[in-house]
Amino acid sequence: MLCLLVLIKTVSNAAVGCDLNDPDRDVARFFPASTGYRTDYYSIKKVGGEKLLARVQARLGDKFKGLFETIDVPYTVYTILNKKQVIGYIHGVNQKGEYGGIQVFLALDPSGVISDLYFQKMTAPYAGKFRAKAFGAQFRGLKLSDFISYDVAAGKAPAGSPLNKIVNPSADGAKDFLSIMRGVKKNLILMDEFTLKKGGQ
C-alpha cells in the first residue's frame, strides 16, 4: 500500500508533456507536401535551466505555474520535411482551462508564421466553437512579433494589433479564450527559444 501511494504521488507530481496522438496523420493533414518528419525533444531545464525559465516568463509576461508549466516539462517539436528541406513545424503546449487541460498545437512555416491552430484536447461544452475552422483561421499569418506585446494577464493587445481582430466564438468560454491566447503566445515563445533562434536546427 505504501509503494502504491508513493507511485500515485510520483505520477501526480510528474511534468505533463504534449505529444500528437497520431503524428503521421496530423503531419500529412497540416503539411500535404511532407515526405517525412523529425521528432526532437526539449525541456526548459535541459536547454537553459533557470535562466531560460526567467527569460521565457519575462517574454510571456506571466509566471509559469502548475503541472503543465514546470521547468522539466517535456516539449516535442515535429520538424516537417520535404525530402531534406524543412517546410514547417508542429508544436503543442498544455494550457490550463476551465474544464481541464487544453492542448494547443500550432503548425508553423519555417520562419515561425502560424499556418494552422489545432486543439488536440479541449473538453469544455463549447469546445466545438473553438475547434471550428473559422476560429483557427483567425490565427493564420500571425507570428511571435504579433503576440509579444499581448498582455496575457489583462487579456489585451495594444491598439492596432492584429490580435484585436480575433473574435471569441463563445460568450461562455471567455476564460478559455484568454487561456488559448496565452497558450498560443507561450507556444510561439518556446518554439523561438528551442528551434527558430537556432535556425531550425
Protein backbone atom coordinates (compact mmCIF):
# COMPACT_ATOMS: atom_id res chain seq x y z
CA MET A 1 0.00 0.00 0.00
CA LEU A 2 2.84 2.39 0.84
CA CYS A 3 4.50 1.69 -2.50
CA LEU A 4 1.21 2.35 -4.28
CA LEU A 5 0.80 5.68 -2.51
CA VAL A 6 4.34 6.67 -3.43
CA LEU A 7 3.68 5.72 -7.06
CA ILE A 8 0.45 7.75 -7.15
CA LYS A 9 2.24 10.76 -5.64
CA THR A 10 5.09 10.43 -8.14
CA VAL A 11 2.71 10.27 -11.10
CA SER A 12 0.63 13.19 -9.80
CA ASN A 13 3.76 15.32 -9.47
CA ALA A 14 5.17 14.36 -12.88
CA ALA A 15 5.65 17.01 -15.54
CA VAL A 16 2.94 16.87 -18.21
CA GLY A 17 4.12 16.92 -21.82
CA CYS A 18 2.15 17.38 -25.05
CA ASP A 19 2.60 14.96 -27.97
CA LEU A 20 0.50 14.38 -31.06
CA ASN A 21 -1.67 11.28 -30.63
CA ASP A 22 -1.27 10.38 -34.30
CA PRO A 23 1.68 12.31 -35.76
CA ASP A 24 1.64 10.52 -39.13
CA ARG A 25 -1.98 11.55 -39.70
CA ASP A 26 -1.56 15.11 -38.42
CA VAL A 27 1.66 15.83 -40.31
CA ALA A 28 0.00 14.72 -43.56
CA ARG A 29 -3.08 16.80 -42.75
CA PHE A 30 -1.25 20.04 -41.97
CA PHE A 31 1.58 19.59 -44.48
CA PRO A 32 0.36 17.64 -47.55
CA ALA A 33 3.72 18.20 -49.27
CA SER A 34 5.65 16.46 -46.48
CA THR A 35 7.67 13.34 -47.15
CA GLY A 36 8.56 12.76 -43.50
CA TYR A 37 9.31 14.43 -40.20
CA ARG A 38 11.84 14.52 -37.39
CA THR A 39 10.91 14.45 -33.72
CA ASP A 40 13.03 16.44 -31.27
CA TYR A 41 12.58 16.67 -27.52
CA TYR A 42 13.29 19.70 -25.34
CA SER A 43 12.73 20.99 -21.84
CA ILE A 44 13.50 24.37 -20.34
CA LYS A 45 15.62 22.63 -17.70
CA LYS A 46 17.84 20.91 -20.28
CA VAL A 47 18.06 23.78 -22.77
CA GLY A 48 18.77 26.66 -20.43
CA GLY A 49 17.65 25.94 -16.88
CA GLU A 50 16.54 28.67 -14.51
CA LYS A 51 17.99 31.41 -16.72
CA LEU A 52 15.87 30.30 -19.67
CA LEU A 53 12.79 29.92 -17.45
CA ALA A 54 13.19 33.51 -16.27
CA ARG A 55 13.55 34.73 -19.87
CA VAL A 56 10.52 32.78 -21.09
CA GLN A 57 8.40 34.08 -18.21
CA ALA A 58 9.54 37.64 -18.90
CA ARG A 59 8.66 37.32 -22.58
CA LEU A 60 5.32 35.73 -21.72
CA GLY A 61 4.54 38.39 -19.12
CA ASP A 62 3.41 35.80 -16.61
CA LYS A 63 4.81 33.21 -14.22
CA PHE A 64 4.74 29.50 -15.02
CA LYS A 65 2.57 27.52 -12.61
CA GLY A 66 1.06 24.07 -12.13
CA LEU A 67 1.91 20.66 -13.61
CA PHE A 68 1.68 22.00 -17.16
CA GLU A 69 4.45 24.55 -16.65
CA THR A 70 7.24 23.11 -14.53
CA ILE A 71 10.84 23.64 -15.60
CA ASP A 72 11.19 19.97 -16.61
CA VAL A 73 8.03 19.67 -18.75
CA PRO A 74 8.98 17.82 -21.96
CA TYR A 75 8.17 19.56 -25.24
CA THR A 76 8.05 17.74 -28.58
CA VAL A 77 8.86 19.60 -31.79
CA TYR A 78 7.93 17.92 -35.06
CA THR A 79 10.15 19.22 -37.86
CA ILE A 80 8.36 18.63 -41.14
CA LEU A 81 10.42 17.69 -44.19
CA ASN A 82 10.05 17.52 -47.93
CA LYS A 83 12.97 15.25 -48.68
CA LYS A 84 15.80 17.13 -46.91
CA GLN A 85 14.13 20.54 -46.88
CA VAL A 86 12.43 21.83 -43.73
CA ILE A 87 8.94 23.01 -44.72
CA GLY A 88 7.49 23.64 -41.27
CA TYR A 89 6.97 22.63 -37.66
CA ILE A 90 4.24 21.35 -35.38
CA HIS A 91 4.44 22.03 -31.66
CA GLY A 92 1.94 21.78 -28.83
CA VAL A 93 1.63 23.03 -25.27
CA ASN A 94 -0.70 22.22 -22.41
CA GLN A 95 -2.67 25.16 -21.09
CA LYS A 96 -4.94 25.09 -18.05
CA GLY A 97 -8.59 25.68 -18.96
CA GLU A 98 -11.94 25.91 -17.21
CA TYR A 99 -12.70 22.21 -17.75
CA GLY A 100 -9.19 20.78 -17.58
CA GLY A 101 -6.14 20.97 -19.80
CA ILE A 102 -6.30 22.40 -23.31
CA GLN A 103 -3.72 21.08 -25.77
CA VAL A 104 -2.86 23.96 -28.10
CA PHE A 105 -0.96 22.84 -31.23
CA LEU A 106 0.42 25.20 -33.85
CA ALA A 107 1.50 24.35 -37.37
CA LEU A 108 4.19 26.85 -38.40
CA ASP A 109 6.07 27.63 -41.58
CA PRO A 110 9.91 27.56 -41.43
CA SER A 111 10.06 31.19 -40.27
CA GLY A 112 7.56 30.68 -37.44
CA VAL A 113 4.39 32.04 -39.06
CA ILE A 114 1.21 30.23 -37.99
CA SER A 115 -0.42 28.20 -40.77
CA ASP A 116 -2.91 26.39 -38.55
CA LEU A 117 -4.21 26.06 -34.99
CA TYR A 118 -5.37 22.72 -33.59
CA PHE A 119 -6.84 21.71 -30.24
CA GLN A 120 -6.00 18.07 -29.69
CA LYS A 121 -7.73 18.19 -26.32
CA MET A 122 -10.46 20.54 -25.13
CA THR A 123 -13.36 19.18 -23.09
CA ALA A 124 -15.48 22.29 -22.47
CA PRO A 125 -19.15 22.09 -23.58
CA TYR A 126 -18.48 24.89 -26.07
CA ALA A 127 -15.27 23.30 -27.41
CA GLY A 128 -16.82 22.80 -30.85
CA LYS A 129 -16.98 26.56 -31.36
CA PHE A 130 -13.25 26.85 -30.74
CA ARG A 131 -12.46 23.83 -32.90
CA ALA A 132 -14.37 25.34 -35.82
CA LYS A 133 -12.26 26.25 -38.84
CA ALA A 134 -13.44 29.85 -38.66
CA PHE A 135 -11.82 30.35 -35.26
CA GLY A 136 -8.49 28.78 -36.19
CA ALA A 137 -8.38 30.73 -39.46
CA GLN A 138 -8.08 33.96 -37.47
CA PHE A 139 -4.56 32.95 -36.37
CA ARG A 140 -3.16 32.17 -39.81
CA GLY A 141 -0.39 34.52 -40.81
CA LEU A 142 0.32 35.62 -37.25
CA LYS A 143 3.76 35.25 -35.66
CA LEU A 144 5.56 35.85 -32.38
CA SER A 145 6.11 39.55 -33.06
CA ASP A 146 2.32 39.96 -33.20
CA PHE A 147 1.91 38.35 -29.78
CA ILE A 148 4.93 39.70 -27.91
CA SER A 149 3.10 42.86 -26.77
CA TYR A 150 -0.07 40.96 -25.87
CA ASP A 151 -0.73 41.24 -22.12
CA VAL A 152 -1.71 37.71 -21.05
CA ALA A 153 -2.68 38.86 -17.54
CA ALA A 154 -5.09 41.54 -18.76
CA GLY A 155 -6.03 39.75 -21.97
CA LYS A 156 -5.32 42.86 -24.03
CA ALA A 157 -3.30 43.74 -27.10
CA PRO A 158 -2.12 47.27 -27.95
CA ALA A 159 -4.17 49.44 -30.28
CA GLY A 160 -3.69 48.49 -33.90
CA SER A 161 -2.60 44.92 -33.10
CA PRO A 162 -3.97 42.23 -35.43
CA LEU A 163 -4.85 40.26 -32.29
CA ASN A 164 -7.70 42.68 -31.64
CA LYS A 165 -9.44 41.23 -34.70
CA ILE A 166 -9.57 37.73 -33.18
CA VAL A 167 -13.16 37.07 -32.09
CA ASN A 168 -14.07 34.84 -29.14
CA PRO A 169 -16.68 32.41 -30.55
CA SER A 170 -18.34 31.66 -27.20
CA ALA A 171 -19.58 34.05 -24.52
CA ASP A 172 -19.49 31.16 -22.05
CA GLY A 173 -15.87 30.46 -22.95
CA ALA A 174 -14.40 33.86 -22.17
CA LYS A 175 -11.88 32.46 -19.67
CA ASP A 176 -10.85 29.69 -22.03
CA PHE A 177 -10.43 32.22 -24.84
CA LEU A 178 -7.88 34.05 -22.70
CA SER A 179 -6.22 30.73 -21.82
CA ILE A 180 -5.93 29.88 -25.51
CA MET A 181 -4.39 33.26 -26.32
CA ARG A 182 -1.87 32.71 -23.52
CA GLY A 183 -1.19 29.20 -24.82
CA VAL A 184 -0.53 30.42 -28.34
CA LYS A 185 1.87 33.09 -27.10
CA LYS A 186 3.65 30.56 -24.87
CA ASN A 187 3.87 28.11 -27.77
CA LEU A 188 5.46 30.71 -30.07
CA ILE A 189 7.97 31.80 -27.40
CA LEU A 190 9.06 28.23 -26.70
CA MET A 191 9.43 27.50 -30.41
CA ASP A 192 11.57 30.61 -30.75
CA GLU A 193 13.79 29.56 -27.85
CA PHE A 194 14.06 25.88 -28.75
CA THR A 195 14.24 25.91 -32.52
CA LEU A 196 13.82 29.10 -34.53
CA LYS A 197 16.63 31.08 -32.86
CA LYS A 198 18.92 28.21 -33.84
CA GLY A 199 17.92 28.44 -37.48
CA GLY A 200 15.58 25.47 -37.27
CA GLN A 201 18.26 23.12 -36.03
